Structure formats: structure tokens, C-alpha cells
Amino acid sequence: MTVPQSHTDQLYAGGLPASFVVDSKVFAQQVERDMSAAKLSTAFQAYYALRSFIPLWLRQSLQRRRNKGIEVRPNWFLPQEFMQQLAADLRAQDDQAVIHPWPDDSQYAFVLTHDVETAEGLKRVAAIADIEESLGFRSSWTLVPAGYRIDKGLVSDLINRGFEIAIHGYNHDGKLFASKSTFDRRATAINSAINEYSAHGFRAPMVHRNLEWLQEL
């Protein structure tokens, strides 16, 4: 599997340094790994096919049981193979200056996001936003356009206060990437929601993804 040249052109147009995209295979290899790892296992496909028939208490019990068996590394958020390859690539090009990733030599940055998966969760947004604002923070709220009725007044208030709105899947049933035809049908509604709520960004439930299809959003 290779990354088409058109995809490389899109990545370059998105702001990546030309030398990183054109002269190095590191990023292209990471894209290939990401697309491979993003495919749902047979077990997950079966789960999402039956999910609507499984009582909430049983789903939560299954999720807790699964989570207990997951070992989380302290640096879980770093793609290890990509970081190792990138470091090796930079060492091989030690004549190039490396720009510090954060302004004013800051050591790190963090991002606050909230997946609002249910109508009950939407009711709590205002209170949590007030707490964040009192602490000087702003966050991104990802909403499910076909999952519940979205309060447009709340959305406008959040945007006016400096918060960000994003779209979280379609209806959170785990089937967005089940087939290209399913994705295409839902992409129309997702794009409509992006425009209607002045959303910036998209996040699929369980971070499911197909990087090629996502270019339609």
C-alpha cells in the first residue's frame, strides 16, 4: 500500500514543510500505518452491528471488562514508531535547523476537548464551560448532529465566549465507516452540520477513521 501523490500534495498544502513531505518517507509511512490500524476488528464490527439491541448496563459492563485488560503506557499519546523514525531522520539531516514546536520555548501544550455523546451530556455543557472560563481556559465541544437535538442558542453562546464547536460522528452508532456508501450518505449530513453550527473540525467516535474518505468532510 502506498500513499497517492495527490494525498502528499494535500498534506503539503495543509502546511507541512516541503522537505518533510517530499524528501522524507517518515510521514508517508505513518499515514500508511494509521490507515491500517484504523480498521475495525471482526469483534468490534459484530459489536456495533448488535449495539442498538444491547442494554446500556450490559454495554457499560462489557466496556469496563475490556478496559481492565488494557495496559496503558505513560507515553500512550506518542506514536512510538513514528517518533523513532522522525528522530533518526532528523539526525540524518543535522544540517537543517529544527524549529521549537511551542511559542516562547514552552515545554508543552495541552488541548481541552469534550465529546458530548448524549442529550444528558449536552445539559451539562453550560456548567462545565463556566468552570473552564473562570480558570481562563477554553475548550472544544464535539456534538453528535443526528444523536440528539442541539441547542443552537447554547452553540452560539459558546462560540461568542471563545469556545470551539466540532462535529462528533453522525449518530454515534459505530457504523460511519462500515462502507463507502454509508459514509457518503452521512457525509452530506455531517457537512451540513459543520456549516450550520460553524464547526471547526471533526472527530469520529472511538477515533475510527479512513483518511481517504475523511477528505470529503
N, C-alpha and C. Protein backbone atom coordinates (compact mmCIF):
# COMPACT_ATOMS: atom_id res chain seq x y z
N MET A 1 0.85 -1.20 0.00
CA MET A 1 0.00 0.00 0.00
C MET A 1 0.88 1.24 0.00
N THR A 2 0.56 2.23 -0.82
CA THR A 2 1.31 3.47 -0.87
C THR A 2 0.36 4.63 -0.72
N VAL A 3 0.92 5.78 -0.34
CA VAL A 3 0.11 6.99 -0.23
C VAL A 3 0.13 7.68 -1.58
N PRO A 4 -1.03 7.87 -2.23
CA PRO A 4 -1.07 8.51 -3.55
C PRO A 4 -0.43 9.89 -3.53
N GLN A 5 0.15 10.30 -4.68
CA GLN A 5 0.78 11.60 -4.78
C GLN A 5 -0.20 12.72 -4.46
N SER A 6 -1.48 12.52 -4.85
CA SER A 6 -2.48 13.55 -4.57
C SER A 6 -2.62 13.79 -3.08
N HIS A 7 -2.46 12.72 -2.27
CA HIS A 7 -2.56 12.87 -0.81
C HIS A 7 -1.35 13.63 -0.29
N THR A 8 -0.17 13.32 -0.84
CA THR A 8 1.04 14.05 -0.44
C THR A 8 0.88 15.53 -0.75
N ASP A 9 0.31 15.84 -1.92
CA ASP A 9 0.09 17.24 -2.29
C ASP A 9 -0.85 17.92 -1.30
N GLN A 10 -1.89 17.19 -0.86
CA GLN A 10 -2.84 17.75 0.11
C GLN A 10 -2.14 18.02 1.44
N LEU A 11 -1.27 17.10 1.85
CA LEU A 11 -0.57 17.28 3.12
C LEU A 11 0.35 18.50 3.05
N TYR A 12 1.03 18.66 1.91
CA TYR A 12 1.91 19.81 1.74
C TYR A 12 1.11 21.10 1.76
N ALA A 13 -0.04 21.08 1.05
CA ALA A 13 -0.89 22.27 1.01
C ALA A 13 -1.42 22.61 2.39
N GLY A 14 -1.49 21.58 3.27
CA GLY A 14 -2.00 21.81 4.62
C GLY A 14 -1.02 22.46 5.55
N GLY A 15 0.23 22.71 5.07
CA GLY A 15 1.16 23.48 5.87
C GLY A 15 2.40 22.74 6.33
N LEU A 16 2.58 21.47 5.96
CA LEU A 16 3.79 20.77 6.37
C LEU A 16 4.97 21.25 5.54
N PRO A 17 6.17 21.29 6.12
CA PRO A 17 7.35 21.72 5.38
C PRO A 17 7.57 20.84 4.15
N ALA A 18 7.95 21.46 3.04
CA ALA A 18 8.14 20.70 1.81
C ALA A 18 9.20 19.62 1.98
N SER A 19 10.30 19.94 2.70
CA SER A 19 11.37 18.96 2.87
C SER A 19 10.89 17.74 3.64
N PHE A 20 9.96 17.95 4.58
CA PHE A 20 9.48 16.84 5.39
C PHE A 20 8.61 15.91 4.57
N VAL A 21 7.78 16.47 3.69
CA VAL A 21 6.86 15.66 2.90
C VAL A 21 7.54 15.04 1.70
N VAL A 22 8.34 15.83 0.99
CA VAL A 22 8.90 15.37 -0.27
C VAL A 22 10.16 14.54 -0.06
N ASP A 23 11.06 14.97 0.82
CA ASP A 23 12.35 14.32 0.96
C ASP A 23 12.34 13.18 1.96
N SER A 24 11.33 13.08 2.78
CA SER A 24 11.32 12.06 3.82
C SER A 24 10.12 11.15 3.65
N LYS A 25 10.32 9.86 3.93
CA LYS A 25 9.23 8.89 3.85
C LYS A 25 8.57 8.69 5.21
N VAL A 26 9.06 9.39 6.23
CA VAL A 26 8.58 9.16 7.59
C VAL A 26 7.08 9.42 7.70
N PHE A 27 6.65 10.55 7.21
CA PHE A 27 5.23 10.89 7.36
C PHE A 27 4.36 9.97 6.52
N ALA A 28 4.79 9.67 5.30
CA ALA A 28 4.01 8.78 4.44
C ALA A 28 3.85 7.41 5.08
N GLN A 29 4.91 6.92 5.71
CA GLN A 29 4.84 5.61 6.38
C GLN A 29 3.88 5.66 7.56
N GLN A 30 3.87 6.78 8.28
CA GLN A 30 2.96 6.91 9.41
C GLN A 30 1.51 6.93 8.94
N VAL A 31 1.24 7.59 7.82
CA VAL A 31 -0.11 7.60 7.26
C VAL A 31 -0.54 6.19 6.90
N GLU A 32 0.37 5.41 6.30
CA GLU A 32 0.05 4.03 5.95
C GLU A 32 -0.27 3.21 7.19
N ARG A 33 0.53 3.37 8.25
CA ARG A 33 0.28 2.64 9.50
C ARG A 33 -1.06 3.05 10.10
N ASP A 34 -1.34 4.36 10.06
CA ASP A 34 -2.58 4.85 10.65
C ASP A 34 -3.79 4.26 9.94
N MET A 35 -3.75 4.23 8.63
CA MET A 35 -4.89 3.71 7.87
C MET A 35 -5.07 2.22 8.11
N SER A 36 -3.96 1.51 8.31
CA SER A 36 -4.05 0.08 8.57
C SER A 36 -4.61 -0.19 9.97
N ALA A 37 -4.13 0.58 10.95
CA ALA A 37 -4.54 0.37 12.34
C ALA A 37 -5.97 0.82 12.60
N ALA A 38 -6.51 1.68 11.73
CA ALA A 38 -7.83 2.25 11.96
C ALA A 38 -8.96 1.31 11.58
N LYS A 39 -8.65 0.16 11.00
CA LYS A 39 -9.70 -0.76 10.59
C LYS A 39 -10.27 -1.50 11.80
N LEU A 40 -11.59 -1.61 11.84
CA LEU A 40 -12.24 -2.30 12.95
C LEU A 40 -12.00 -3.80 12.87
N SER A 41 -11.77 -4.39 14.03
CA SER A 41 -11.63 -5.84 14.10
C SER A 41 -12.99 -6.50 13.86
N THR A 42 -12.97 -7.80 13.59
CA THR A 42 -14.23 -8.53 13.39
C THR A 42 -15.11 -8.45 14.64
N ALA A 43 -14.47 -8.53 15.82
CA ALA A 43 -15.23 -8.47 17.07
C ALA A 43 -15.93 -7.12 17.22
N PHE A 44 -15.23 -6.03 16.89
CA PHE A 44 -15.85 -4.71 17.01
C PHE A 44 -16.94 -4.52 15.96
N GLN A 45 -16.74 -5.05 14.77
CA GLN A 45 -17.78 -4.95 13.75
C GLN A 45 -19.05 -5.65 14.22
N ALA A 46 -18.90 -6.82 14.84
CA ALA A 46 -20.06 -7.55 15.35
C ALA A 46 -20.72 -6.77 16.49
N TYR A 47 -19.89 -6.18 17.36
CA TYR A 47 -20.42 -5.42 18.49
C TYR A 47 -21.28 -4.25 18.01
N TYR A 48 -20.76 -3.49 17.04
CA TYR A 48 -21.51 -2.32 16.57
C TYR A 48 -22.74 -2.71 15.77
N ALA A 49 -22.70 -3.88 15.14
CA ALA A 49 -23.88 -4.36 14.42
C ALA A 49 -25.02 -4.67 15.39
N LEU A 50 -24.65 -5.13 16.61
CA LEU A 50 -25.64 -5.53 17.61
C LEU A 50 -25.85 -4.47 18.69
N ARG A 51 -25.09 -3.39 18.66
CA ARG A 51 -25.05 -2.43 19.76
C ARG A 51 -26.42 -1.89 20.13
N SER A 52 -27.25 -1.59 19.15
CA SER A 52 -28.56 -0.99 19.44
C SER A 52 -29.49 -1.96 20.17
N PHE A 53 -29.17 -3.26 20.14
CA PHE A 53 -30.00 -4.25 20.81
C PHE A 53 -29.46 -4.62 22.20
N ILE A 54 -28.28 -4.10 22.55
CA ILE A 54 -27.66 -4.43 23.83
C ILE A 54 -28.04 -3.38 24.87
N PRO A 55 -28.59 -3.76 26.01
CA PRO A 55 -28.95 -2.79 27.06
C PRO A 55 -27.74 -1.97 27.49
N LEU A 56 -27.99 -0.73 27.88
CA LEU A 56 -26.91 0.17 28.27
C LEU A 56 -26.06 -0.42 29.39
N TRP A 57 -26.71 -1.02 30.41
CA TRP A 57 -25.95 -1.55 31.54
C TRP A 57 -25.00 -2.66 31.10
N LEU A 58 -25.43 -3.45 30.11
CA LEU A 58 -24.58 -4.53 29.63
C LEU A 58 -23.42 -3.98 28.80
N ARG A 59 -23.69 -2.94 27.99
CA ARG A 59 -22.62 -2.31 27.22
C ARG A 59 -21.55 -1.74 28.14
N GLN A 60 -22.01 -1.08 29.20
CA GLN A 60 -21.05 -0.49 30.14
C GLN A 60 -20.25 -1.57 30.86
N SER A 61 -20.90 -2.68 31.18
CA SER A 61 -20.21 -3.79 31.82
C SER A 61 -19.15 -4.38 30.89
N LEU A 62 -19.49 -4.55 29.63
CA LEU A 62 -18.53 -5.07 28.65
C LEU A 62 -17.36 -4.12 28.46
N GLN A 63 -17.65 -2.82 28.44
CA GLN A 63 -16.59 -1.83 28.28
C GLN A 63 -15.64 -1.83 29.46
N ARG A 64 -16.20 -1.93 30.69
CA ARG A 64 -15.34 -1.96 31.88
C ARG A 64 -14.45 -3.20 31.87
N ARG A 65 -15.02 -4.33 31.49
CA ARG A 65 -14.25 -5.57 31.45
C ARG A 65 -13.11 -5.46 30.43
N ARG A 66 -13.42 -4.89 29.29
CA ARG A 66 -12.38 -4.73 28.26
C ARG A 66 -11.31 -3.76 28.73
N ASN A 67 -11.71 -2.65 29.34
CA ASN A 67 -10.74 -1.64 29.75
C ASN A 67 -9.80 -2.14 30.82
N LYS A 68 -10.28 -3.07 31.67
CA LYS A 68 -9.41 -3.62 32.72
C LYS A 68 -8.23 -4.37 32.12
N GLY A 69 -8.42 -4.93 30.95
CA GLY A 69 -7.36 -5.71 30.33
C GLY A 69 -6.41 -4.89 29.47
N ILE A 70 -6.63 -3.59 29.41
CA ILE A 70 -5.78 -2.73 28.58
C ILE A 70 -4.66 -2.13 29.43
N GLU A 71 -3.44 -2.34 29.02
CA GLU A 71 -2.29 -1.75 29.71
C GLU A 71 -1.95 -0.42 29.05
N VAL A 72 -1.98 0.65 29.82
CA VAL A 72 -1.75 1.99 29.29
C VAL A 72 -0.33 2.44 29.63
N ARG A 73 0.46 2.74 28.61
CA ARG A 73 1.81 3.23 28.82
C ARG A 73 1.77 4.68 29.28
N PRO A 74 2.77 5.12 30.06
CA PRO A 74 2.81 6.53 30.48
C PRO A 74 2.84 7.48 29.28
N ASN A 75 3.46 7.04 28.19
CA ASN A 75 3.56 7.88 27.00
C ASN A 75 2.63 7.37 25.90
N TRP A 76 1.43 6.94 26.30
CA TRP A 76 0.47 6.34 25.37
C TRP A 76 0.12 7.25 24.21
N PHE A 77 0.24 8.55 24.41
CA PHE A 77 -0.20 9.50 23.39
C PHE A 77 0.84 9.71 22.29
N LEU A 78 2.01 9.11 22.43
CA LEU A 78 3.06 9.27 21.43
C LEU A 78 3.13 8.04 20.53
N PRO A 79 3.05 8.21 19.21
CA PRO A 79 3.23 7.07 18.29
C PRO A 79 4.70 6.68 18.26
N GLN A 80 5.07 5.63 18.98
CA GLN A 80 6.46 5.31 19.22
C GLN A 80 7.27 5.10 17.93
N GLU A 81 6.74 4.30 17.03
CA GLU A 81 7.50 4.00 15.81
C GLU A 81 7.72 5.27 14.98
N PHE A 82 6.70 6.10 14.92
CA PHE A 82 6.83 7.36 14.18
C PHE A 82 7.88 8.26 14.82
N MET A 83 7.85 8.40 16.15
CA MET A 83 8.80 9.26 16.83
C MET A 83 10.23 8.78 16.64
N GLN A 84 10.44 7.47 16.70
CA GLN A 84 11.78 6.92 16.50
C GLN A 84 12.28 7.18 15.08
N GLN A 85 11.39 6.98 14.11
CA GLN A 85 11.78 7.23 12.73
C GLN A 85 12.05 8.71 12.48
N LEU A 86 11.23 9.56 13.07
CA LEU A 86 11.41 11.00 12.90
C LEU A 86 12.74 11.45 13.51
N ALA A 87 13.05 10.94 14.71
CA ALA A 87 14.32 11.30 15.36
C ALA A 87 15.50 10.87 14.51
N ALA A 88 15.43 9.66 13.95
CA ALA A 88 16.52 9.16 13.10
C ALA A 88 16.64 10.01 11.84
N ASP A 89 15.51 10.42 11.29
CA ASP A 89 15.51 11.23 10.08
C ASP A 89 16.12 12.59 10.35
N LEU A 90 15.81 13.18 11.50
CA LEU A 90 16.37 14.48 11.85
C LEU A 90 17.87 14.40 12.09
N ARG A 91 18.31 13.29 12.71
CA ARG A 91 19.75 13.12 12.93
C ARG A 91 20.50 13.01 11.61
N ALA A 92 19.85 12.39 10.63
CA ALA A 92 20.48 12.22 9.32
C ALA A 92 20.54 13.54 8.56
N GLN A 93 19.75 14.52 9.00
CA GLN A 93 19.74 15.83 8.34
C GLN A 93 20.12 16.90 9.35
N ASP A 94 21.23 16.68 10.04
CA ASP A 94 21.61 17.58 11.14
C ASP A 94 22.05 18.95 10.66
N ASP A 95 22.12 19.15 9.35
CA ASP A 95 22.47 20.47 8.85
C ASP A 95 21.25 21.38 8.75
N GLN A 96 20.07 20.83 9.05
CA GLN A 96 18.85 21.63 9.00
C GLN A 96 18.45 22.08 10.40
N ALA A 97 18.05 23.33 10.50
CA ALA A 97 17.62 23.86 11.80
C ALA A 97 16.28 23.26 12.18
N VAL A 98 16.13 22.94 13.47
CA VAL A 98 14.87 22.41 13.98
C VAL A 98 14.17 23.52 14.77
N ILE A 99 12.98 23.87 14.34
CA ILE A 99 12.24 24.95 15.00
C ILE A 99 11.54 24.39 16.23
N HIS A 100 11.64 25.11 17.35
CA HIS A 100 10.98 24.67 18.57
C HIS A 100 9.47 24.61 18.34
N PRO A 101 8.82 23.53 18.75
CA PRO A 101 7.39 23.36 18.41
C PRO A 101 6.43 24.30 19.13
N TRP A 102 6.83 24.88 20.29
CA TRP A 102 5.89 25.71 21.05
C TRP A 102 6.43 27.13 21.19
N PRO A 103 5.56 28.13 21.19
CA PRO A 103 5.99 29.53 21.31
C PRO A 103 6.71 29.79 22.63
N ASP A 104 7.62 30.74 22.60
CA ASP A 104 8.33 31.22 23.80
C ASP A 104 9.04 30.09 24.54
N ASP A 105 9.48 29.07 23.80
CA ASP A 105 10.21 27.94 24.39
C ASP A 105 9.42 27.21 25.47
N SER A 106 8.11 27.24 25.37
CA SER A 106 7.28 26.49 26.31
C SER A 106 7.55 25.00 26.16
N GLN A 107 7.40 24.26 27.25
CA GLN A 107 7.73 22.84 27.25
C GLN A 107 6.63 21.96 26.68
N TYR A 108 5.41 22.42 26.72
CA TYR A 108 4.32 21.59 26.22
C TYR A 108 3.07 22.46 25.99
N ALA A 109 2.10 21.88 25.34
CA ALA A 109 0.78 22.49 25.19
C ALA A 109 -0.26 21.42 25.48
N PHE A 110 -1.43 21.83 25.93
CA PHE A 110 -2.49 20.85 26.12
C PHE A 110 -3.80 21.40 25.55
N VAL A 111 -4.64 20.49 25.15
CA VAL A 111 -5.89 20.84 24.49
C VAL A 111 -7.05 20.22 25.27
N LEU A 112 -8.07 21.02 25.54
CA LEU A 112 -9.26 20.53 26.23
C LEU A 112 -10.36 20.25 25.21
N THR A 113 -10.85 19.03 25.18
CA THR A 113 -11.96 18.67 24.29
C THR A 113 -12.98 17.84 25.05
N HIS A 114 -14.23 17.93 24.62
CA HIS A 114 -15.31 17.17 25.25
C HIS A 114 -16.16 16.52 24.17
N ASP A 115 -16.31 15.21 24.23
CA ASP A 115 -17.24 14.51 23.34
C ASP A 115 -18.61 14.47 24.01
N VAL A 116 -19.55 15.22 23.48
CA VAL A 116 -20.90 15.28 24.05
C VAL A 116 -21.73 14.21 23.36
N GLU A 117 -21.77 13.02 23.94
CA GLU A 117 -22.33 11.86 23.25
C GLU A 117 -23.83 11.69 23.42
N THR A 118 -24.42 12.34 24.42
CA THR A 118 -25.85 12.16 24.68
C THR A 118 -26.52 13.49 25.00
N ALA A 119 -27.85 13.48 24.97
CA ALA A 119 -28.60 14.68 25.34
C ALA A 119 -28.36 15.04 26.80
N GLU A 120 -28.17 14.03 27.64
CA GLU A 120 -27.88 14.28 29.05
C GLU A 120 -26.56 15.02 29.19
N GLY A 121 -25.59 14.64 28.39
CA GLY A 121 -24.31 15.33 28.42
C GLY A 121 -24.43 16.77 27.97
N LEU A 122 -25.29 17.02 26.99
CA LEU A 122 -25.47 18.38 26.48
C LEU A 122 -25.99 19.30 27.58
N LYS A 123 -26.80 18.76 28.50
CA LYS A 123 -27.35 19.57 29.59
C LYS A 123 -26.26 20.07 30.54
N ARG A 124 -25.12 19.42 30.55
CA ARG A 124 -24.05 19.77 31.49
C ARG A 124 -23.00 20.69 30.87
N VAL A 125 -23.14 20.96 29.59
CA VAL A 125 -22.12 21.75 28.89
C VAL A 125 -21.96 23.14 29.50
N ALA A 126 -23.07 23.84 29.72
CA ALA A 126 -23.00 25.22 30.20
C ALA A 126 -22.26 25.32 31.53
N ALA A 127 -22.56 24.42 32.46
CA ALA A 127 -21.93 24.47 33.78
C ALA A 127 -20.43 24.21 33.68
N ILE A 128 -20.04 23.24 32.85
CA ILE A 128 -18.61 22.93 32.70
C ILE A 128 -17.89 24.07 32.00
N ALA A 129 -18.55 24.67 31.00
CA ALA A 129 -17.95 25.80 30.30
C ALA A 129 -17.71 26.97 31.25
N ASP A 130 -18.64 27.19 32.18
CA ASP A 130 -18.47 28.27 33.17
C ASP A 130 -17.23 28.02 34.03
N ILE A 131 -17.03 26.77 34.44
CA ILE A 131 -15.87 26.44 35.27
C ILE A 131 -14.58 26.69 34.49
N GLU A 132 -14.55 26.23 33.26
CA GLU A 132 -13.35 26.41 32.44
C GLU A 132 -13.05 27.89 32.22
N GLU A 133 -14.09 28.65 31.91
CA GLU A 133 -13.89 30.07 31.66
C GLU A 133 -13.37 30.79 32.90
N SER A 134 -13.85 30.39 34.07
CA SER A 134 -13.40 31.01 35.32
C SER A 134 -11.91 30.75 35.57
N LEU A 135 -11.40 29.67 34.99
CA LEU A 135 -9.99 29.32 35.14
C LEU A 135 -9.13 29.83 33.99
N GLY A 136 -9.77 30.51 33.05
CA GLY A 136 -9.04 31.07 31.93
C GLY A 136 -8.86 30.12 30.76
N PHE A 137 -9.59 29.01 30.76
CA PHE A 137 -9.47 28.02 29.69
C PHE A 137 -10.63 28.15 28.70
N ARG A 138 -10.38 27.66 27.51
CA ARG A 138 -11.42 27.47 26.50
C ARG A 138 -11.24 26.08 25.92
N SER A 139 -12.33 25.43 25.55
CA SER A 139 -12.24 24.06 25.07
C SER A 139 -13.04 23.88 23.78
N SER A 140 -12.93 22.70 23.22
CA SER A 140 -13.69 22.34 22.04
C SER A 140 -14.77 21.34 22.43
N TRP A 141 -15.99 21.57 21.96
CA TRP A 141 -17.12 20.69 22.27
C TRP A 141 -17.53 19.98 20.99
N THR A 142 -17.42 18.65 20.97
CA THR A 142 -17.80 17.89 19.78
C THR A 142 -19.21 17.35 19.96
N LEU A 143 -20.08 17.70 19.04
CA LEU A 143 -21.51 17.39 19.14
C LEU A 143 -21.92 16.35 18.11
N VAL A 144 -22.92 15.54 18.46
CA VAL A 144 -23.41 14.47 17.58
C VAL A 144 -24.65 14.99 16.84
N PRO A 145 -24.54 15.32 15.56
CA PRO A 145 -25.64 16.02 14.87
C PRO A 145 -26.93 15.24 14.75
N ALA A 146 -26.86 13.91 14.61
CA ALA A 146 -28.08 13.11 14.47
C ALA A 146 -28.37 12.29 15.72
N GLY A 147 -27.70 12.64 16.82
CA GLY A 147 -27.88 11.87 18.05
C GLY A 147 -28.89 12.46 19.01
N TYR A 148 -29.08 13.78 18.95
CA TYR A 148 -29.99 14.47 19.86
C TYR A 148 -30.24 15.88 19.30
N ARG A 149 -31.20 16.58 19.88
CA ARG A 149 -31.49 17.94 19.44
C ARG A 149 -30.43 18.88 20.01
N ILE A 150 -29.76 19.59 19.12
CA ILE A 150 -28.70 20.50 19.53
C ILE A 150 -29.28 21.90 19.77
N ASP A 151 -28.98 22.46 20.91
CA ASP A 151 -29.45 23.78 21.29
C ASP A 151 -28.60 24.83 20.56
N LYS A 152 -29.18 25.48 19.55
CA LYS A 152 -28.43 26.46 18.77
C LYS A 152 -28.04 27.67 19.61
N GLY A 153 -28.89 28.01 20.57
CA GLY A 153 -28.56 29.13 21.45
C GLY A 153 -27.31 28.84 22.27
N LEU A 154 -27.20 27.60 22.76
CA LEU A 154 -26.03 27.20 23.52
C LEU A 154 -24.79 27.24 22.64
N VAL A 155 -24.92 26.76 21.42
CA VAL A 155 -23.79 26.76 20.49
C VAL A 155 -23.31 28.19 20.23
N SER A 156 -24.24 29.09 19.97
CA SER A 156 -23.88 30.49 19.71
C SER A 156 -23.19 31.12 20.92
N ASP A 157 -23.71 30.82 22.11
CA ASP A 157 -23.13 31.36 23.33
C ASP A 157 -21.69 30.87 23.52
N LEU A 158 -21.46 29.59 23.28
CA LEU A 158 -20.12 29.04 23.43
C LEU A 158 -19.15 29.69 22.45
N ILE A 159 -19.57 29.83 21.21
CA ILE A 159 -18.70 30.44 20.20
C ILE A 159 -18.39 31.88 20.56
N ASN A 160 -19.39 32.63 20.99
CA ASN A 160 -19.19 34.04 21.35
C ASN A 160 -18.24 34.19 22.53
N ARG A 161 -18.15 33.17 23.37
CA ARG A 161 -17.26 33.23 24.55
C ARG A 161 -15.87 32.67 24.25
N GLY A 162 -15.64 32.27 23.01
CA GLY A 162 -14.31 31.81 22.64
C GLY A 162 -14.12 30.32 22.64
N PHE A 163 -15.18 29.56 22.89
CA PHE A 163 -15.09 28.10 22.81
C PHE A 163 -15.21 27.67 21.34
N GLU A 164 -14.91 26.42 21.10
CA GLU A 164 -14.95 25.89 19.74
C GLU A 164 -15.96 24.76 19.64
N ILE A 165 -16.62 24.67 18.50
CA ILE A 165 -17.57 23.60 18.23
C ILE A 165 -16.99 22.69 17.16
N ALA A 166 -17.13 21.38 17.35
CA ALA A 166 -16.73 20.40 16.34
C ALA A 166 -17.83 19.36 16.24
N ILE A 167 -17.76 18.54 15.21
CA ILE A 167 -18.77 17.51 14.98
C ILE A 167 -18.21 16.15 15.35
N HIS A 168 -19.03 15.36 16.07
CA HIS A 168 -18.59 14.05 16.59
C HIS A 168 -19.38 12.94 15.89
N GLY A 169 -18.85 12.49 14.76
CA GLY A 169 -19.52 11.42 14.04
C GLY A 169 -20.84 11.87 13.43
N TYR A 170 -21.76 10.93 13.33
CA TYR A 170 -23.08 11.21 12.77
C TYR A 170 -24.16 10.96 13.82
N ASN A 171 -24.32 9.70 14.23
CA ASN A 171 -25.28 9.40 15.31
C ASN A 171 -24.67 8.49 16.38
N HIS A 172 -23.35 8.33 16.32
CA HIS A 172 -22.60 7.58 17.34
C HIS A 172 -23.01 6.11 17.42
N ASP A 173 -23.28 5.51 16.27
CA ASP A 173 -23.63 4.08 16.28
C ASP A 173 -22.48 3.19 15.85
N GLY A 174 -21.30 3.78 15.60
CA GLY A 174 -20.13 2.99 15.24
C GLY A 174 -20.11 2.48 13.82
N LYS A 175 -21.04 2.95 12.98
CA LYS A 175 -21.16 2.41 11.62
C LYS A 175 -20.78 3.41 10.53
N LEU A 176 -20.22 4.55 10.93
CA LEU A 176 -19.91 5.59 9.95
C LEU A 176 -18.99 5.08 8.85
N PHE A 177 -18.01 4.23 9.22
CA PHE A 177 -17.05 3.73 8.24
C PHE A 177 -17.33 2.28 7.85
N ALA A 178 -18.56 1.83 8.04
CA ALA A 178 -18.91 0.44 7.72
C ALA A 178 -18.77 0.16 6.23
N SER A 179 -19.08 1.15 5.41
CA SER A 179 -18.93 1.02 3.96
C SER A 179 -18.82 2.41 3.37
N LYS A 180 -18.30 2.49 2.15
CA LYS A 180 -18.15 3.79 1.50
C LYS A 180 -19.51 4.41 1.23
N SER A 181 -20.50 3.61 0.86
CA SER A 181 -21.83 4.16 0.58
C SER A 181 -22.46 4.74 1.85
N THR A 182 -22.27 4.05 2.98
CA THR A 182 -22.78 4.57 4.26
C THR A 182 -22.11 5.88 4.60
N PHE A 183 -20.79 5.92 4.44
CA PHE A 183 -20.06 7.15 4.75
C PHE A 183 -20.51 8.30 3.85
N ASP A 184 -20.67 8.03 2.57
CA ASP A 184 -21.07 9.09 1.64
C ASP A 184 -22.43 9.68 2.01
N ARG A 185 -23.37 8.81 2.37
CA ARG A 185 -24.70 9.30 2.76
C ARG A 185 -24.62 10.19 3.99
N ARG A 186 -23.85 9.75 4.96
CA ARG A 186 -23.77 10.50 6.21
C ARG A 186 -22.89 11.74 6.07
N ALA A 187 -21.94 11.70 5.16
CA ALA A 187 -21.05 12.85 4.98
C ALA A 187 -21.84 14.09 4.59
N THR A 188 -22.89 13.91 3.81
CA THR A 188 -23.72 15.05 3.42
C THR A 188 -24.33 15.72 4.64
N ALA A 189 -24.87 14.92 5.56
CA ALA A 189 -25.47 15.47 6.78
C ALA A 189 -24.40 16.06 7.70
N ILE A 190 -23.24 15.41 7.76
CA ILE A 190 -22.16 15.92 8.60
C ILE A 190 -21.68 17.28 8.10
N ASN A 191 -21.49 17.41 6.79
CA ASN A 191 -21.05 18.69 6.24
C ASN A 191 -22.10 19.77 6.46
N SER A 192 -23.37 19.39 6.40
CA SER A 192 -24.44 20.35 6.68
C SER A 192 -24.37 20.83 8.12
N ALA A 193 -24.10 19.90 9.05
CA ALA A 193 -23.98 20.27 10.46
C ALA A 193 -22.76 21.15 10.71
N ILE A 194 -21.67 20.85 10.01
CA ILE A 194 -20.46 21.66 10.15
C ILE A 194 -20.76 23.11 9.79
N ASN A 195 -21.50 23.30 8.72
CA ASN A 195 -21.86 24.66 8.29
C ASN A 195 -22.88 25.29 9.24
N GLU A 196 -23.88 24.52 9.64
CA GLU A 196 -24.96 25.06 10.47
C GLU A 196 -24.46 25.54 11.82
N TYR A 197 -23.51 24.80 12.40
CA TYR A 197 -23.04 25.14 13.75
C TYR A 197 -21.67 25.81 13.75
N SER A 198 -21.21 26.25 12.57
CA SER A 198 -19.90 26.92 12.46
C SER A 198 -18.82 26.09 13.13
N ALA A 199 -18.84 24.81 12.85
CA ALA A 199 -17.92 23.87 13.50
C ALA A 199 -16.53 23.93 12.88
N HIS A 200 -15.54 23.70 13.72
CA HIS A 200 -14.15 23.62 13.28
C HIS A 200 -13.62 22.24 13.67
N GLY A 201 -13.60 21.35 12.71
CA GLY A 201 -13.04 20.04 12.99
C GLY A 201 -14.09 18.95 13.11
N PHE A 202 -13.61 17.72 13.03
CA PHE A 202 -14.45 16.54 13.09
C PHE A 202 -13.71 15.46 13.85
N ARG A 203 -14.43 14.75 14.72
CA ARG A 203 -13.86 13.61 15.44
C ARG A 203 -14.85 12.46 15.39
N ALA A 204 -14.40 11.32 14.88
CA ALA A 204 -15.28 10.16 14.80
C ALA A 204 -15.29 9.42 16.13
N PRO A 205 -16.41 8.83 16.51
CA PRO A 205 -16.46 8.02 17.73
C PRO A 205 -15.39 6.93 17.71
N MET A 206 -14.79 6.67 18.87
CA MET A 206 -13.72 5.67 19.01
C MET A 206 -12.52 6.00 18.12
N VAL A 207 -12.49 7.24 17.61
CA VAL A 207 -11.44 7.70 16.69
C VAL A 207 -11.33 6.77 15.47
N HIS A 208 -12.46 6.18 15.05
CA HIS A 208 -12.46 5.42 13.81
C HIS A 208 -12.12 6.38 12.68
N ARG A 209 -11.47 5.90 11.65
CA ARG A 209 -11.10 6.82 10.58
C ARG A 209 -10.70 6.07 9.31
N ASN A 210 -10.88 6.74 8.23
CA ASN A 210 -10.33 6.36 6.94
C ASN A 210 -9.87 7.67 6.32
N LEU A 211 -8.57 7.87 6.27
CA LEU A 211 -8.04 9.17 5.90
C LEU A 211 -8.45 9.59 4.50
N GLU A 212 -8.64 8.63 3.62
CA GLU A 212 -9.07 8.97 2.26
C GLU A 212 -10.51 9.49 2.27
N TRP A 213 -11.40 8.78 2.92
CA TRP A 213 -12.81 9.19 2.95
C TRP A 213 -12.98 10.52 3.67
N LEU A 214 -12.19 10.75 4.71
CA LEU A 214 -12.35 11.96 5.51
C LEU A 214 -12.07 13.23 4.72
N GLN A 215 -11.43 13.11 3.56
CA GLN A 215 -11.19 14.30 2.74
C GLN A 215 -12.50 14.89 2.23
N GLU A 216 -13.59 14.14 2.32
CA GLU A 216 -14.89 14.64 1.86
C GLU A 216 -15.54 15.58 2.87
N LEU A 217 -14.99 15.63 4.08
CA LEU A 217 -15.58 16.49 5.11
C LEU A 217 -14.88 17.85 5.14
